[in-house]
Protein backbone atom coordinates (compact mmCIF):
# COMPACT_ATOMS: atom_id res chain seq x y z
CA UNK A 1 -12.42 9.21 -11.80
CA UNK A 2 -12.55 6.07 -9.69
CA UNK A 3 -9.50 3.55 -9.89
CA UNK A 4 -10.38 0.28 -11.80
CA UNK A 5 -8.18 -1.96 -9.52
CA UNK A 6 -7.57 -1.58 -5.95
CA UNK A 7 -4.77 -2.39 -3.70
CA UNK A 8 -6.71 -5.62 -2.61
CA UNK A 9 -7.76 -6.53 -5.82
CA UNK A 10 -4.08 -6.53 -6.58
CA UNK A 11 -2.99 -8.47 -3.64
CA UNK A 12 -5.55 -11.02 -4.43
CA UNK A 13 -4.08 -11.46 -7.68
CA UNK A 14 -0.57 -11.84 -6.58
CA UNK A 15 -1.24 -14.22 -3.75
CA UNK A 16 -3.13 -16.64 -6.40
CA UNK A 17 -0.11 -16.34 -9.19
CA UNK A 18 2.33 -17.24 -5.88
CA UNK A 19 -0.08 -20.10 -5.68
CA UNK A 20 -2.05 -18.87 -2.55
CA UNK A 21 1.09 -17.79 -0.60
CA UNK A 22 -0.70 -16.06 2.12
CA UNK A 23 2.37 -15.35 4.42
CA UNK A 24 3.72 -12.54 2.37
CA UNK A 25 2.69 -9.11 3.51
CA UNK A 26 1.69 -7.01 0.24
CA UNK A 27 1.72 -3.18 0.49
CA UNK A 28 1.94 -0.32 -1.79
CA UNK A 29 5.58 -0.18 -1.50
CA UNK A 30 6.42 -3.76 -1.88
CA UNK A 31 9.09 -4.24 -4.38
CA UNK A 32 7.41 -7.17 -6.97
CA UNK A 33 10.59 -8.70 -7.91
CA UNK A 34 12.68 -8.51 -4.83
CA UNK A 35 10.45 -8.06 -2.02
CA UNK A 36 7.44 -10.24 -3.42
CA UNK A 37 9.61 -12.85 -5.54
CA UNK A 38 7.53 -12.00 -8.56
CA UNK A 39 8.90 -12.98 -11.95
CA UNK A 40 8.26 -11.52 -15.36
CA UNK A 41 6.35 -14.69 -16.27
CA UNK A 42 4.43 -13.87 -12.96
CA UNK A 43 3.69 -9.98 -13.73
CA UNK A 44 2.51 -11.08 -17.59
CA UNK A 45 0.13 -13.42 -15.72
CA UNK A 46 -1.29 -10.94 -13.37
CA UNK A 47 -1.76 -8.59 -16.11
CA UNK A 48 -3.47 -11.08 -18.35
CA UNK A 49 -5.76 -11.76 -15.43
CA UNK A 50 -6.44 -7.91 -14.84
CA UNK A 51 -7.40 -7.96 -18.37
CA UNK A 52 -9.73 -10.79 -18.24
CA UNK A 53 -11.31 -9.90 -15.06
CA UNK A 54 -11.91 -6.10 -15.81
CA UNK A 55 -12.51 -6.42 -19.66
CA UNK A 56 -9.60 -4.17 -20.75
CA UNK A 57 -6.30 -3.98 -22.77
CA UNK A 58 -2.92 -3.28 -20.73
CA UNK A 59 -0.32 -2.27 -23.32
CA UNK A 60 3.01 -3.46 -22.12
CA UNK A 61 5.49 -0.72 -22.36
CA UNK A 62 9.03 -1.62 -22.07
CA UNK A 63 9.99 2.05 -21.23
CA UNK A 64 7.76 2.36 -18.20
CA UNK A 65 9.52 0.83 -15.00
CA UNK A 66 7.34 -1.25 -12.78
CA UNK A 67 9.13 -1.95 -9.49
CA UNK A 68 6.36 -1.44 -6.97
CA UNK A 69 3.09 -2.50 -6.34
CA UNK A 70 2.00 1.09 -6.45
CA UNK A 71 4.02 1.41 -9.79
CA UNK A 72 1.69 -1.37 -11.26
CA UNK A 73 -1.36 0.32 -9.54
CA UNK A 74 -0.76 3.46 -11.05
CA UNK A 75 0.02 2.28 -14.53
CA UNK A 76 -3.08 0.47 -14.75
CA UNK A 77 -5.18 2.86 -13.58
CA UNK A 78 -4.00 5.52 -15.71
CA UNK A 79 -4.27 3.46 -19.21
CA UNK A 80 -7.66 2.40 -17.95
CA UNK A 81 -9.22 5.86 -17.99
């Protein structure tokens, strides 16, 4: 099945919530909090933007550890099928 959101899509959203900080390099292995400086609030904003853009609901699971960009991509694409 096709992926709902790509690395490029997520990168665009992360740059937007970081107020256009284009100097950061985002890879699948980038750690959201440590490498990119994303806060918990930023993560919620990103999830909200994804929900609105793709007309989906992303349940917030406290037992799912989202540490890297790939973790977030995998989670979003697994629940959107």
